[in-house]
């Protein structure tokens, strides 16, 4: 009974050595990759709300532009270019 438990412990220790777990050499060889990857993930998490806000503003501008273009035949002052400007102004001031 005692021999089989030692065999399991020895087998586990060999498995741990084969995978290089808790080894400084593994960290020494991979620390740049892990550090750059970690910084990249953190930077993406930081930029996520900014990208989402920009996507929402662009969607708002598209909807407002379509609405202004529907009203364009009724009003002579609205052109295609001015409808983009009006849509941008409306969507930009709503978020503040």
C-alpha atoms as a PDB file:
ATOM      1  CA  UNK A   1       0.000   0.000   0.000  1.00  0.00           C
ATOM      2  CA  UNK A   2       2.751   2.391   0.876  1.00  0.00           C
ATOM      3  CA  UNK A   3       4.750   1.615  -2.276  1.00  0.00           C
ATOM      4  CA  UNK A   4       1.845   2.560  -4.561  1.00  0.00           C
ATOM      5  CA  UNK A   5       1.380   5.923  -2.862  1.00  0.00           C
ATOM      6  CA  UNK A   6       5.081   6.674  -3.354  1.00  0.00           C
ATOM      7  CA  UNK A   7       4.777   5.702  -7.002  1.00  0.00           C
ATOM      8  CA  UNK A   8       1.959   8.222  -7.435  1.00  0.00           C
ATOM      9  CA  UNK A   9       3.974  10.954  -5.729  1.00  0.00           C
ATOM     10  CA  UNK A  10       7.041  10.208  -7.859  1.00  0.00           C
ATOM     11  CA  UNK A  11       4.899  10.136 -10.993  1.00  0.00           C
ATOM     12  CA  UNK A  12       3.408  13.527 -10.074  1.00  0.00           C
ATOM     13  CA  UNK A  13       6.848  15.008  -9.436  1.00  0.00           C
ATOM     14  CA  UNK A  14       8.119  13.771 -12.811  1.00  0.00           C
ATOM     15  CA  UNK A  15       5.028  15.248 -14.508  1.00  0.00           C
ATOM     16  CA  UNK A  16       5.666  18.572 -12.786  1.00  0.00           C
ATOM     17  CA  UNK A  17       9.297  18.576 -13.973  1.00  0.00           C
ATOM     18  CA  UNK A  18       8.327  17.655 -17.537  1.00  0.00           C
ATOM     19  CA  UNK A  19       5.967  20.621 -17.766  1.00  0.00           C
ATOM     20  CA  UNK A  20       8.492  23.006 -16.186  1.00  0.00           C
ATOM     21  CA  UNK A  21       5.985  24.236 -13.625  1.00  0.00           C
ATOM     22  CA  UNK A  22       7.382  26.575 -10.961  1.00  0.00           C
ATOM     23  CA  UNK A  23      10.598  26.907 -12.905  1.00  0.00           C
ATOM     24  CA  UNK A  24      12.509  30.152 -13.195  1.00  0.00           C
ATOM     25  CA  UNK A  25      13.850  29.163 -16.610  1.00  0.00           C
ATOM     26  CA  UNK A  26      10.355  29.117 -18.091  1.00  0.00           C
ATOM     27  CA  UNK A  27       9.632  32.609 -16.753  1.00  0.00           C
ATOM     28  CA  UNK A  28      13.023  33.866 -17.920  1.00  0.00           C
ATOM     29  CA  UNK A  29      12.326  32.665 -21.460  1.00  0.00           C
ATOM     30  CA  UNK A  30       8.718  33.876 -21.663  1.00  0.00           C
ATOM     31  CA  UNK A  31       8.539  37.008 -19.511  1.00  0.00           C
ATOM     32  CA  UNK A  32       8.572  39.469 -22.435  1.00  0.00           C
ATOM     33  CA  UNK A  33       5.784  37.636 -24.218  1.00  0.00           C
ATOM     34  CA  UNK A  34       3.651  37.398 -21.073  1.00  0.00           C
ATOM     35  CA  UNK A  35       4.308  41.044 -20.119  1.00  0.00           C
ATOM     36  CA  UNK A  36       3.527  42.419 -23.590  1.00  0.00           C
ATOM     37  CA  UNK A  37       0.422  40.268 -23.822  1.00  0.00           C
ATOM     38  CA  UNK A  38      -0.749  41.445 -20.413  1.00  0.00           C
ATOM     39  CA  UNK A  39      -0.205  45.096 -21.302  1.00  0.00           C
ATOM     40  CA  UNK A  40      -2.020  44.587 -24.592  1.00  0.00           C
ATOM     41  CA  UNK A  41      -5.028  43.051 -22.826  1.00  0.00           C
ATOM     42  CA  UNK A  42      -5.119  45.857 -20.246  1.00  0.00           C
ATOM     43  CA  UNK A  43      -4.846  48.518 -22.962  1.00  0.00           C
ATOM     44  CA  UNK A  44      -7.699  46.899 -24.911  1.00  0.00           C
ATOM     45  CA  UNK A  45      -9.836  46.900 -21.773  1.00  0.00           C
ATOM     46  CA  UNK A  46      -9.011  50.588 -21.291  1.00  0.00           C
ATOM     47  CA  UNK A  47      -9.969  51.458 -24.888  1.00  0.00           C
ATOM     48  CA  UNK A  48     -13.153  49.371 -24.966  1.00  0.00           C
ATOM     49  CA  UNK A  49     -15.531  52.091 -23.624  1.00  0.00           C
ATOM     50  CA  UNK A  50     -14.003  54.713 -25.931  1.00  0.00           C
ATOM     51  CA  UNK A  51     -14.523  52.531 -29.002  1.00  0.00           C
ATOM     52  CA  UNK A  52     -18.075  51.715 -27.909  1.00  0.00           C
ATOM     53  CA  UNK A  53     -18.885  55.415 -27.469  1.00  0.00           C
ATOM     54  CA  UNK A  54     -17.490  56.216 -30.941  1.00  0.00           C
ATOM     55  CA  UNK A  55     -19.552  53.405 -32.472  1.00  0.00           C
ATOM     56  CA  UNK A  56     -22.711  54.736 -30.779  1.00  0.00           C
ATOM     57  CA  UNK A  57     -22.014  58.285 -32.002  1.00  0.00           C
ATOM     58  CA  UNK A  58     -21.512  57.055 -35.576  1.00  0.00           C
ATOM     59  CA  UNK A  59     -24.800  55.152 -35.398  1.00  0.00           C
ATOM     60  CA  UNK A  60     -26.533  58.278 -34.073  1.00  0.00           C
ATOM     61  CA  UNK A  61     -25.046  60.357 -36.903  1.00  0.00           C
ATOM     62  CA  UNK A  62     -26.282  57.851 -39.512  1.00  0.00           C
ATOM     63  CA  UNK A  63     -29.823  57.934 -38.109  1.00  0.00           C
ATOM     64  CA  UNK A  64     -29.887  61.732 -37.836  1.00  0.00           C
ATOM     65  CA  UNK A  65     -28.456  62.098 -41.363  1.00  0.00           C
ATOM     66  CA  UNK A  66     -31.193  59.858 -42.773  1.00  0.00           C
ATOM     67  CA  UNK A  67     -33.808  61.897 -40.936  1.00  0.00           C
ATOM     68  CA  UNK A  68     -32.419  65.172 -42.258  1.00  0.00           C
ATOM     69  CA  UNK A  69     -32.288  63.783 -45.793  1.00  0.00           C
ATOM     70  CA  UNK A  70     -35.963  62.821 -45.513  1.00  0.00           C
ATOM     71  CA  UNK A  71     -36.745  66.403 -44.524  1.00  0.00           C
ATOM     72  CA  UNK A  72     -34.477  67.878 -47.216  1.00  0.00           C
ATOM     73  CA  UNK A  73     -37.139  68.123 -49.947  1.00  0.00           C
ATOM     74  CA  UNK A  74     -39.342  70.095 -47.532  1.00  0.00           C
ATOM     75  CA  UNK A  75     -36.590  72.548 -46.597  1.00  0.00           C
ATOM     76  CA  UNK A  76     -34.426  74.163 -49.230  1.00  0.00           C
ATOM     77  CA  UNK A  77     -31.632  74.993 -46.753  1.00  0.00           C
ATOM     78  CA  UNK A  78     -30.632  71.376 -46.032  1.00  0.00           C
ATOM     79  CA  UNK A  79     -28.139  69.854 -48.444  1.00  0.00           C
ATOM     80  CA  UNK A  80     -26.303  66.548 -48.214  1.00  0.00           C
ATOM     81  CA  UNK A  81     -23.187  68.128 -46.681  1.00  0.00           C
ATOM     82  CA  UNK A  82     -25.067  70.296 -44.238  1.00  0.00           C
ATOM     83  CA  UNK A  83     -27.127  67.307 -43.089  1.00  0.00           C
ATOM     84  CA  UNK A  84     -23.900  65.546 -42.028  1.00  0.00           C
ATOM     85  CA  UNK A  85     -22.848  68.637 -40.092  1.00  0.00           C
ATOM     86  CA  UNK A  86     -26.234  68.966 -38.396  1.00  0.00           C
ATOM     87  CA  UNK A  87     -26.291  65.263 -37.524  1.00  0.00           C
ATOM     88  CA  UNK A  88     -22.790  65.480 -36.035  1.00  0.00           C
ATOM     89  CA  UNK A  89     -23.724  68.548 -33.974  1.00  0.00           C
ATOM     90  CA  UNK A  90     -26.875  66.953 -32.617  1.00  0.00           C
ATOM     91  CA  UNK A  91     -25.213  63.635 -31.704  1.00  0.00           C
ATOM     92  CA  UNK A  92     -22.136  65.282 -30.240  1.00  0.00           C
ATOM     93  CA  UNK A  93     -24.120  67.519 -27.887  1.00  0.00           C
ATOM     94  CA  UNK A  94     -26.493  64.795 -26.711  1.00  0.00           C
ATOM     95  CA  UNK A  95     -23.730  62.750 -25.105  1.00  0.00           C
ATOM     96  CA  UNK A  96     -22.450  65.660 -22.966  1.00  0.00           C
END
